[in-house]
Amino acid sequence: MTGKEFRKLRTQLKMTRRQLAIELDRTEATVCNWEGGRTPVPKMAEMCMQVLVKKTREKKMSKKKKQSIPVGKSRSELLDIAKQLEDQLDGLTPFECRQVMELVLNAKEVIRAKHRQ
């Protein structure tokens, strides 16, 4: 993978060099050197980038599904959905965990609002 290809993937992920460097446990300067072609992109970094792209695509697909949770669901069904989201936190980055937890909290708010009516 060339530095230009690597940069294109990073920008598609909407990540800064710093964010990517943290994700890959490297320095921002290292990412800059890869993108600028000063040093070759290591195979491991290329593989990690491909995993990040795949996770982002999967997250977008699952986010579309999660957004379509009908409000007419029963309290127990919504609690089951919230529990499933919480169970999926293992192995996610801190950023992804925060996003999922926001979805869980929103689902719990929907439950509360539904049962106040």
C-alpha atoms as a PDB file:
ATOM      1  CA  MET A   1       0.000   0.000   0.000  1.00  0.00           C
ATOM      2  CA  THR A   2       1.359   3.401  -0.939  1.00  0.00           C
ATOM      3  CA  GLY A   3       1.387   6.415   1.354  1.00  0.00           C
ATOM      4  CA  LYS A   4      -1.254   8.084  -0.819  1.00  0.00           C
ATOM      5  CA  GLU A   5      -3.542   5.057  -0.558  1.00  0.00           C
ATOM      6  CA  PHE A   6      -2.993   4.971   3.198  1.00  0.00           C
ATOM      7  CA  ARG A   7      -3.878   8.652   3.515  1.00  0.00           C
ATOM      8  CA  LYS A   8      -6.980   8.190   1.356  1.00  0.00           C
ATOM      9  CA  LEU A   9      -8.230   5.436   3.675  1.00  0.00           C
ATOM     10  CA  ARG A  10      -7.502   7.579   6.735  1.00  0.00           C
ATOM     11  CA  THR A  11      -9.477  10.481   5.322  1.00  0.00           C
ATOM     12  CA  GLN A  12     -12.336   8.150   4.368  1.00  0.00           C
ATOM     13  CA  LEU A  13     -12.381   7.082   8.018  1.00  0.00           C
ATOM     14  CA  LYS A  14     -12.577  10.782   8.953  1.00  0.00           C
ATOM     15  CA  MET A  15      -9.628  10.366  11.276  1.00  0.00           C
ATOM     16  CA  THR A  16      -6.832  12.798  11.928  1.00  0.00           C
ATOM     17  CA  ARG A  17      -3.243  11.595  11.791  1.00  0.00           C
ATOM     18  CA  ARG A  18      -3.164  11.877  15.556  1.00  0.00           C
ATOM     19  CA  GLN A  19      -6.288   9.745  16.004  1.00  0.00           C
ATOM     20  CA  LEU A  20      -4.926   7.085  13.671  1.00  0.00           C
ATOM     21  CA  ALA A  21      -1.536   7.161  15.375  1.00  0.00           C
ATOM     22  CA  ILE A  22      -3.217   6.531  18.733  1.00  0.00           C
ATOM     23  CA  GLU A  23      -5.291   3.709  17.245  1.00  0.00           C
ATOM     24  CA  LEU A  24      -2.165   2.083  15.771  1.00  0.00           C
ATOM     25  CA  ASP A  25      -0.003   2.822  18.833  1.00  0.00           C
ATOM     26  CA  ARG A  26       2.418   4.870  16.754  1.00  0.00           C
ATOM     27  CA  THR A  27       3.440   8.524  16.673  1.00  0.00           C
ATOM     28  CA  GLU A  28       1.795  11.147  14.521  1.00  0.00           C
ATOM     29  CA  ALA A  29       5.170  11.711  12.835  1.00  0.00           C
ATOM     30  CA  THR A  30       5.304   8.033  11.865  1.00  0.00           C
ATOM     31  CA  VAL A  31       1.883   8.234  10.199  1.00  0.00           C
ATOM     32  CA  CYS A  32       2.998  11.437   8.453  1.00  0.00           C
ATOM     33  CA  ASN A  33       6.122   9.668   7.157  1.00  0.00           C
ATOM     34  CA  TRP A  34       4.055   6.775   5.808  1.00  0.00           C
ATOM     35  CA  GLU A  35       1.622   9.089   4.060  1.00  0.00           C
ATOM     36  CA  GLY A  36       4.388  11.244   2.654  1.00  0.00           C
ATOM     37  CA  GLY A  37       6.208   8.240   1.226  1.00  0.00           C
ATOM     38  CA  ARG A  38       9.326   8.896   3.320  1.00  0.00           C
ATOM     39  CA  THR A  39       9.043   5.445   4.865  1.00  0.00           C
ATOM     40  CA  PRO A  40       7.065   2.476   3.536  1.00  0.00           C
ATOM     41  CA  VAL A  41       3.746   1.605   5.145  1.00  0.00           C
ATOM     42  CA  PRO A  42       4.384  -1.564   7.177  1.00  0.00           C
ATOM     43  CA  LYS A  43       2.260  -4.583   6.337  1.00  0.00           C
ATOM     44  CA  MET A  44       0.885  -4.622   9.899  1.00  0.00           C
ATOM     45  CA  ALA A  45      -0.284  -0.987   9.603  1.00  0.00           C
ATOM     46  CA  GLU A  46      -1.900  -1.803   6.262  1.00  0.00           C
ATOM     47  CA  MET A  47      -3.739  -4.749   7.797  1.00  0.00           C
ATOM     48  CA  CYS A  48      -4.856  -2.657  10.777  1.00  0.00           C
ATOM     49  CA  MET A  49      -6.146   0.012   8.415  1.00  0.00           C
ATOM     50  CA  GLN A  50      -8.161  -2.578   6.505  1.00  0.00           C
ATOM     51  CA  VAL A  51      -9.667  -3.808   9.788  1.00  0.00           C
ATOM     52  CA  LEU A  52     -10.584  -0.229  10.752  1.00  0.00           C
ATOM     53  CA  VAL A  53     -12.253   0.312   7.389  1.00  0.00           C
ATOM     54  CA  LYS A  54     -14.197  -2.946   7.760  1.00  0.00           C
ATOM     55  CA  LYS A  55     -15.271  -2.080  11.329  1.00  0.00           C
ATOM     56  CA  THR A  56     -16.398   1.364  10.188  1.00  0.00           C
ATOM     57  CA  ARG A  57     -18.489  -0.111   7.376  1.00  0.00           C
ATOM     58  CA  GLU A  58     -20.025  -2.668   9.734  1.00  0.00           C
ATOM     59  CA  LYS A  59     -20.722   0.041  12.282  1.00  0.00           C
ATOM     60  CA  LYS A  60     -22.476   2.172   9.672  1.00  0.00           C
ATOM     61  CA  MET A  61     -24.618  -0.788   8.637  1.00  0.00           C
ATOM     62  CA  SER A  62     -25.495  -1.700  12.219  1.00  0.00           C
ATOM     63  CA  LYS A  63     -26.148   1.953  13.059  1.00  0.00           C
ATOM     64  CA  LYS A  64     -28.742   2.088  10.289  1.00  0.00           C
ATOM     65  CA  LYS A  65     -30.376  -1.016  11.753  1.00  0.00           C
ATOM     66  CA  LYS A  66     -30.249   0.373  15.310  1.00  0.00           C
ATOM     67  CA  GLN A  67     -31.836   3.636  14.247  1.00  0.00           C
ATOM     68  CA  SER A  68     -34.831   1.727  12.970  1.00  0.00           C
ATOM     69  CA  ILE A  69     -35.854   0.417  16.421  1.00  0.00           C
ATOM     70  CA  PRO A  70     -39.629   0.866  16.513  1.00  0.00           C
ATOM     71  CA  VAL A  71     -40.906   2.892  19.472  1.00  0.00           C
ATOM     72  CA  GLY A  72     -43.859   0.502  19.701  1.00  0.00           C
ATOM     73  CA  LYS A  73     -41.635  -2.249  21.145  1.00  0.00           C
ATOM     74  CA  SER A  74     -42.487  -3.525  24.615  1.00  0.00           C
ATOM     75  CA  ARG A  75     -40.395  -2.566  27.616  1.00  0.00           C
ATOM     76  CA  SER A  76     -38.807  -6.024  27.833  1.00  0.00           C
ATOM     77  CA  GLU A  77     -37.925  -6.011  24.109  1.00  0.00           C
ATOM     78  CA  LEU A  78     -36.238  -2.611  24.440  1.00  0.00           C
ATOM     79  CA  LEU A  79     -34.346  -3.768  27.530  1.00  0.00           C
ATOM     80  CA  ASP A  80     -33.173  -6.843  25.583  1.00  0.00           C
ATOM     81  CA  ILE A  81     -31.921  -4.577  22.787  1.00  0.00           C
ATOM     82  CA  ALA A  82     -30.081  -2.381  25.314  1.00  0.00           C
ATOM     83  CA  LYS A  83     -28.495  -5.497  26.886  1.00  0.00           C
ATOM     84  CA  GLN A  84     -27.364  -6.756  23.475  1.00  0.00           C
ATOM     85  CA  LEU A  85     -25.686  -3.411  22.807  1.00  0.00           C
ATOM     86  CA  GLU A  86     -23.918  -3.518  26.163  1.00  0.00           C
ATOM     87  CA  ASP A  87     -22.709  -7.078  25.457  1.00  0.00           C
ATOM     88  CA  GLN A  88     -21.099  -5.906  22.210  1.00  0.00           C
ATOM     89  CA  LEU A  89     -18.742  -3.475  23.992  1.00  0.00           C
ATOM     90  CA  ASP A  90     -15.997  -6.096  24.429  1.00  0.00           C
ATOM     91  CA  GLY A  91     -13.146  -5.486  22.012  1.00  0.00           C
ATOM     92  CA  LEU A  92     -14.257  -2.018  20.889  1.00  0.00           C
ATOM     93  CA  THR A  93     -12.083   1.077  21.100  1.00  0.00           C
ATOM     94  CA  PRO A  94     -12.940   3.658  23.784  1.00  0.00           C
ATOM     95  CA  PHE A  95     -14.481   5.900  21.112  1.00  0.00           C
ATOM     96  CA  GLU A  96     -16.710   3.077  19.856  1.00  0.00           C
ATOM     97  CA  CYS A  97     -17.694   2.201  23.435  1.00  0.00           C
ATOM     98  CA  ARG A  98     -18.833   5.780  24.037  1.00  0.00           C
ATOM     99  CA  GLN A  99     -20.938   5.701  20.873  1.00  0.00           C
ATOM    100  CA  VAL A 100     -22.589   2.422  21.819  1.00  0.00           C
ATOM    101  CA  MET A 101     -23.219   3.605  25.374  1.00  0.00           C
ATOM    102  CA  GLU A 102     -24.912   6.726  23.984  1.00  0.00           C
ATOM    103  CA  LEU A 103     -27.212   4.448  21.970  1.00  0.00           C
ATOM    104  CA  VAL A 104     -27.944   2.400  25.093  1.00  0.00           C
ATOM    105  CA  LEU A 105     -28.740   5.515  27.109  1.00  0.00           C
ATOM    106  CA  ASN A 106     -30.994   6.787  24.330  1.00  0.00           C
ATOM    107  CA  ALA A 107     -32.807   3.436  24.245  1.00  0.00           C
ATOM    108  CA  LYS A 108     -33.326   3.605  28.002  1.00  0.00           C
ATOM    109  CA  GLU A 109     -34.734   7.135  27.648  1.00  0.00           C
ATOM    110  CA  VAL A 110     -37.163   5.862  25.002  1.00  0.00           C
ATOM    111  CA  ILE A 111     -38.260   3.156  27.436  1.00  0.00           C
ATOM    112  CA  ARG A 112     -38.825   5.668  30.222  1.00  0.00           C
ATOM    113  CA  ALA A 113     -40.701   8.074  27.951  1.00  0.00           C
ATOM    114  CA  LYS A 114     -42.853   5.276  26.532  1.00  0.00           C
ATOM    115  CA  HIS A 115     -43.915   4.067  29.948  1.00  0.00           C
ATOM    116  CA  ARG A 116     -44.620   7.558  31.319  1.00  0.00           C
ATOM    117  CA  GLN A 117     -47.421   7.887  28.775  1.00  0.00           C
END
